[in-house]
Amino acid sequence: MIPEPGDANREITVTETFHLQTDDELSDKELKQIEADDQAIQTILLGLPEDIYAAVDS
């Protein structure tokens, strides 16, 4: 059955697929990849011009 738009009583099923991994469950290679990804994200964020932050804050 396809729910009608705007139907506040429709049931939405969500499959639970999220699993939070701890460092103990990850291999050394995976940990190094996560660290490299974090550093890359930080480098990208540091390179953004300050006016982007001013637009978000206002």
PDB file of N, CA and C in Angstrom:
ATOM      1  N   MET A   1       0.840  -1.177   0.000  1.00  0.00           N
ATOM      2  CA  MET A   1       0.000   0.000   0.000  1.00  0.00           C
ATOM      3  C   MET A   1       0.886   1.241   0.000  1.00  0.00           C
ATOM      4  N   ILE A   2       0.561   2.170  -0.869  1.00  0.00           N
ATOM      5  CA  ILE A   2       1.319   3.416  -0.966  1.00  0.00           C
ATOM      6  C   ILE A   2       0.597   4.471  -0.130  1.00  0.00           C
ATOM      7  N   PRO A   3       1.285   5.040   0.857  1.00  0.00           N
ATOM      8  CA  PRO A   3       0.631   6.054   1.695  1.00  0.00           C
ATOM      9  C   PRO A   3       0.370   7.335   0.915  1.00  0.00           C
ATOM     10  N   GLU A   4      -0.697   8.009   1.258  1.00  0.00           N
ATOM     11  CA  GLU A   4      -1.036   9.283   0.639  1.00  0.00           C
ATOM     12  C   GLU A   4      -0.166  10.391   1.236  1.00  0.00           C
ATOM     13  N   PRO A   5       0.279  11.343   0.430  1.00  0.00           N
ATOM     14  CA  PRO A   5       1.034  12.477   0.974  1.00  0.00           C
ATOM     15  C   PRO A   5       0.197  13.251   1.991  1.00  0.00           C
ATOM     16  N   GLY A   6       0.813  13.641   3.061  1.00  0.00           N
ATOM     17  CA  GLY A   6       0.122  14.397   4.091  1.00  0.00           C
ATOM     18  C   GLY A   6      -0.622  13.542   5.100  1.00  0.00           C
ATOM     19  N   ASP A   7      -0.594  12.227   4.942  1.00  0.00           N
ATOM     20  CA  ASP A   7      -1.274  11.333   5.883  1.00  0.00           C
ATOM     21  C   ASP A   7      -0.439  11.231   7.150  1.00  0.00           C
ATOM     22  N   ALA A   8      -0.888  11.892   8.205  1.00  0.00           N
ATOM     23  CA  ALA A   8      -0.133  11.934   9.459  1.00  0.00           C
ATOM     24  C   ALA A   8      -0.121  10.593  10.173  1.00  0.00           C
ATOM     25  N   ASN A   9      -1.023   9.698   9.827  1.00  0.00           N
ATOM     26  CA  ASN A   9      -1.127   8.410  10.518  1.00  0.00           C
ATOM     27  C   ASN A   9      -0.432   7.272   9.784  1.00  0.00           C
ATOM     28  N   ARG A  10       0.271   7.601   8.701  1.00  0.00           N
ATOM     29  CA  ARG A  10       0.928   6.518   7.956  1.00  0.00           C
ATOM     30  C   ARG A  10       2.072   5.925   8.764  1.00  0.00           C
ATOM     31  N   GLU A  11       2.305   4.651   8.556  1.00  0.00           N
ATOM     32  CA  GLU A  11       3.379   3.958   9.260  1.00  0.00           C
ATOM     33  C   GLU A  11       4.603   3.915   8.357  1.00  0.00           C
ATOM     34  N   ILE A  12       5.722   4.329   8.901  1.00  0.00           N
ATOM     35  CA  ILE A  12       6.970   4.332   8.149  1.00  0.00           C
ATOM     36  C   ILE A  12       7.889   3.303   8.778  1.00  0.00           C
ATOM     37  N   THR A  13       8.300   2.333   7.981  1.00  0.00           N
ATOM     38  CA  THR A  13       9.206   1.307   8.496  1.00  0.00           C
ATOM     39  C   THR A  13      10.637   1.714   8.191  1.00  0.00           C
ATOM     40  N   VAL A  14      11.480   1.560   9.180  1.00  0.00           N
ATOM     41  CA  VAL A  14      12.892   1.888   9.050  1.00  0.00           C
ATOM     42  C   VAL A  14      13.693   0.663   9.455  1.00  0.00           C
ATOM     43  N   THR A  15      14.495   0.181   8.538  1.00  0.00           N
ATOM     44  CA  THR A  15      15.341  -0.957   8.826  1.00  0.00           C
ATOM     45  C   THR A  15      16.548  -0.477   9.620  1.00  0.00           C
ATOM     46  N   GLU A  16      16.815  -1.128  10.723  1.00  0.00           N
ATOM     47  CA  GLU A  16      17.941  -0.718  11.554  1.00  0.00           C
ATOM     48  C   GLU A  16      19.209  -1.388  11.036  1.00  0.00           C
ATOM     49  N   THR A  17      20.071  -0.580  10.429  1.00  0.00           N
ATOM     50  CA  THR A  17      21.286  -1.123   9.823  1.00  0.00           C
ATOM     51  C   THR A  17      22.546  -0.490  10.388  1.00  0.00           C
ATOM     52  N   PHE A  18      22.401   0.439  11.310  1.00  0.00           N
ATOM     53  CA  PHE A  18      23.557   1.155  11.826  1.00  0.00           C
ATOM     54  C   PHE A  18      24.202   0.379  12.968  1.00  0.00           C
ATOM     55  N   HIS A  19      25.507   0.243  12.889  1.00  0.00           N
ATOM     56  CA  HIS A  19      26.270  -0.420  13.946  1.00  0.00           C
ATOM     57  C   HIS A  19      27.494   0.426  14.233  1.00  0.00           C
ATOM     58  N   LEU A  20      27.601   0.917  15.439  1.00  0.00           N
ATOM     59  CA  LEU A  20      28.742   1.731  15.829  1.00  0.00           C
ATOM     60  C   LEU A  20      29.931   0.821  16.116  1.00  0.00           C
ATOM     61  N   GLN A  21      30.989   0.969  15.322  1.00  0.00           N
ATOM     62  CA  GLN A  21      32.172   0.141  15.507  1.00  0.00           C
ATOM     63  C   GLN A  21      33.128   0.813  16.478  1.00  0.00           C
ATOM     64  N   THR A  22      33.712   0.011  17.312  1.00  0.00           N
ATOM     65  CA  THR A  22      34.731   0.519  18.222  1.00  0.00           C
ATOM     66  C   THR A  22      36.104   0.304  17.585  1.00  0.00           C
ATOM     67  N   ASP A  23      37.110   0.965  18.134  1.00  0.00           N
ATOM     68  CA  ASP A  23      38.462   0.809  17.608  1.00  0.00           C
ATOM     69  C   ASP A  23      38.926  -0.642  17.685  1.00  0.00           C
ATOM     70  N   ASP A  24      38.435  -1.388  18.661  1.00  0.00           N
ATOM     71  CA  ASP A  24      38.835  -2.782  18.814  1.00  0.00           C
ATOM     72  C   ASP A  24      38.349  -3.645  17.653  1.00  0.00           C
ATOM     73  N   GLU A  25      37.262  -3.236  17.002  1.00  0.00           N
ATOM     74  CA  GLU A  25      36.686  -4.019  15.911  1.00  0.00           C
ATOM     75  C   GLU A  25      37.306  -3.695  14.554  1.00  0.00           C
ATOM     76  N   LEU A  26      38.121  -2.660  14.497  1.00  0.00           N
ATOM     77  CA  LEU A  26      38.715  -2.227  13.232  1.00  0.00           C
ATOM     78  C   LEU A  26      40.156  -2.700  13.111  1.00  0.00           C
ATOM     79  N   SER A  27      40.558  -2.976  11.887  1.00  0.00           N
ATOM     80  CA  SER A  27      41.944  -3.364  11.651  1.00  0.00           C
ATOM     81  C   SER A  27      42.831  -2.118  11.669  1.00  0.00           C
ATOM     82  N   ASP A  28      44.126  -2.332  11.742  1.00  0.00           N
ATOM     83  CA  ASP A  28      45.068  -1.203  11.721  1.00  0.00           C
ATOM     84  C   ASP A  28      44.931  -0.407  10.426  1.00  0.00           C
ATOM     85  N   LYS A  29      44.714  -1.114   9.326  1.00  0.00           N
ATOM     86  CA  LYS A  29      44.550  -0.450   8.029  1.00  0.00           C
ATOM     87  C   LYS A  29      43.305   0.447   8.041  1.00  0.00           C
ATOM     88  N   GLU A  30      42.208  -0.058   8.594  1.00  0.00           N
ATOM     89  CA  GLU A  30      40.977   0.730   8.666  1.00  0.00           C
ATOM     90  C   GLU A  30      41.148   1.953   9.572  1.00  0.00           C
ATOM     91  N   LEU A  31      41.841   1.783  10.691  1.00  0.00           N
ATOM     92  CA  LEU A  31      42.090   2.910  11.593  1.00  0.00           C
ATOM     93  C   LEU A  31      42.929   3.984  10.920  1.00  0.00           C
ATOM     94  N   LYS A  32      43.945   3.570  10.162  1.00  0.00           N
ATOM     95  CA  LYS A  32      44.788   4.527   9.446  1.00  0.00           C
ATOM     96  C   LYS A  32      43.990   5.258   8.374  1.00  0.00           C
ATOM     97  N   GLN A  33      43.072   4.550   7.710  1.00  0.00           N
ATOM     98  CA  GLN A  33      42.239   5.167   6.678  1.00  0.00           C
ATOM     99  C   GLN A  33      41.292   6.206   7.291  1.00  0.00           C
ATOM    100  N   ILE A  34      40.727   5.882   8.439  1.00  0.00           N
ATOM    101  CA  ILE A  34      39.842   6.819   9.132  1.00  0.00           C
ATOM    102  C   ILE A  34      40.608   8.069   9.546  1.00  0.00           C
ATOM    103  N   GLU A  35      41.799   7.879  10.060  1.00  0.00           N
ATOM    104  CA  GLU A  35      42.637   9.024  10.458  1.00  0.00           C
ATOM    105  C   GLU A  35      42.982   9.882   9.248  1.00  0.00           C
ATOM    106  N   ALA A  36      43.308   9.251   8.124  1.00  0.00           N
ATOM    107  CA  ALA A  36      43.631  10.001   6.907  1.00  0.00           C
ATOM    108  C   ALA A  36      42.403  10.761   6.407  1.00  0.00           C
ATOM    109  N   ASP A  37      41.240  10.139   6.471  1.00  0.00           N
ATOM    110  CA  ASP A  37      40.002  10.813   6.070  1.00  0.00           C
ATOM    111  C   ASP A  37      39.726  12.022   6.960  1.00  0.00           C
ATOM    112  N   ASP A  38      39.910  11.856   8.255  1.00  0.00           N
ATOM    113  CA  ASP A  38      39.697  12.963   9.193  1.00  0.00           C
ATOM    114  C   ASP A  38      40.644  14.128   8.883  1.00  0.00           C
ATOM    115  N   GLN A  39      41.889  13.816   8.594  1.00  0.00           N
ATOM    116  CA  GLN A  39      42.862  14.866   8.276  1.00  0.00           C
ATOM    117  C   GLN A  39      42.501  15.562   6.971  1.00  0.00           C
ATOM    118  N   ALA A  40      42.015  14.806   5.991  1.00  0.00           N
ATOM    119  CA  ALA A  40      41.620  15.398   4.708  1.00  0.00           C
ATOM    120  C   ALA A  40      40.427  16.338   4.891  1.00  0.00           C
ATOM    121  N   ILE A  41      39.457  15.924   5.682  1.00  0.00           N
ATOM    122  CA  ILE A  41      38.292  16.773   5.954  1.00  0.00           C
ATOM    123  C   ILE A  41      38.734  18.057   6.650  1.00  0.00           C
ATOM    124  N   GLN A  42      39.611  17.940   7.621  1.00  0.00           N
ATOM    125  CA  GLN A  42      40.108  19.110   8.347  1.00  0.00           C
ATOM    126  C   GLN A  42      40.840  20.062   7.403  1.00  0.00           C
ATOM    127  N   THR A  43      41.643  19.518   6.503  1.00  0.00           N
ATOM    128  CA  THR A  43      42.378  20.341   5.538  1.00  0.00           C
ATOM    129  C   THR A  43      41.412  21.089   4.626  1.00  0.00           C
ATOM    130  N   ILE A  44      40.368  20.411   4.176  1.00  0.00           N
ATOM    131  CA  ILE A  44      39.368  21.051   3.316  1.00  0.00           C
ATOM    132  C   ILE A  44      38.655  22.165   4.072  1.00  0.00           C
ATOM    133  N   LEU A  45      38.258  21.891   5.311  1.00  0.00           N
ATOM    134  CA  LEU A  45      37.543  22.900   6.086  1.00  0.00           C
ATOM    135  C   LEU A  45      38.407  24.116   6.371  1.00  0.00           C
ATOM    136  N   LEU A  46      39.683  23.903   6.625  1.00  0.00           N
ATOM    137  CA  LEU A  46      40.585  25.033   6.888  1.00  0.00           C
ATOM    138  C   LEU A  46      40.786  25.886   5.645  1.00  0.00           C
ATOM    139  N   GLY A  47      40.587  25.311   4.481  1.00  0.00           N
ATOM    140  CA  GLY A  47      40.780  26.050   3.237  1.00  0.00           C
ATOM    141  C   GLY A  47      39.571  26.845   2.795  1.00  0.00           C
ATOM    142  N   LEU A  48      38.445  26.725   3.496  1.00  0.00           N
ATOM    143  CA  LEU A  48      37.245  27.469   3.109  1.00  0.00           C
ATOM    144  C   LEU A  48      37.411  28.941   3.478  1.00  0.00           C
ATOM    145  N   PRO A  49      36.916  29.820   2.634  1.00  0.00           N
ATOM    146  CA  PRO A  49      37.017  31.245   2.958  1.00  0.00           C
ATOM    147  C   PRO A  49      36.126  31.602   4.146  1.00  0.00           C
ATOM    148  N   GLU A  50      36.525  32.633   4.878  1.00  0.00           N
ATOM    149  CA  GLU A  50      35.811  33.008   6.096  1.00  0.00           C
ATOM    150  C   GLU A  50      34.402  33.507   5.833  1.00  0.00           C
ATOM    151  N   ASP A  51      34.124  34.034   4.634  1.00  0.00           N
ATOM    152  CA  ASP A  51      32.791  34.549   4.364  1.00  0.00           C
ATOM    153  C   ASP A  51      31.731  33.446   4.355  1.00  0.00           C
ATOM    154  N   ILE A  52      32.145  32.212   4.153  1.00  0.00           N
ATOM    155  CA  ILE A  52      31.201  31.094   4.232  1.00  0.00           C
ATOM    156  C   ILE A  52      30.695  30.965   5.664  1.00  0.00           C
ATOM    157  N   TYR A  53      31.590  31.098   6.627  1.00  0.00           N
ATOM    158  CA  TYR A  53      31.187  30.998   8.023  1.00  0.00           C
ATOM    159  C   TYR A  53      30.301  32.179   8.411  1.00  0.00           C
ATOM    160  N   ALA A  54      30.572  33.362   7.868  1.00  0.00           N
ATOM    161  CA  ALA A  54      29.764  34.541   8.177  1.00  0.00           C
ATOM    162  C   ALA A  54      28.339  34.344   7.662  1.00  0.00           C
ATOM    163  N   ALA A  55      28.183  33.715   6.511  1.00  0.00           N
ATOM    164  CA  ALA A  55      26.850  33.472   5.951  1.00  0.00           C
ATOM    165  C   ALA A  55      26.084  32.464   6.794  1.00  0.00           C
ATOM    166  N   VAL A  56      26.777  31.502   7.347  1.00  0.00           N
ATOM    167  CA  VAL A  56      26.127  30.482   8.172  1.00  0.00           C
ATOM    168  C   VAL A  56      25.731  31.061   9.524  1.00  0.00           C
ATOM    169  N   ASP A  57      26.569  31.915  10.106  1.00  0.00           N
ATOM    170  CA  ASP A  57      26.302  32.487  11.420  1.00  0.00           C
ATOM    171  C   ASP A  57      25.164  33.500  11.415  1.00  0.00           C
ATOM    172  N   SER A  58      24.925  34.141  10.269  1.00  0.00           N
ATOM    173  CA  SER A  58      23.895  35.197  10.246  1.00  0.00           C
ATOM    174  C   SER A  58      22.490  34.653  10.108  1.00  0.00           C
TER     175      SER A  58
END
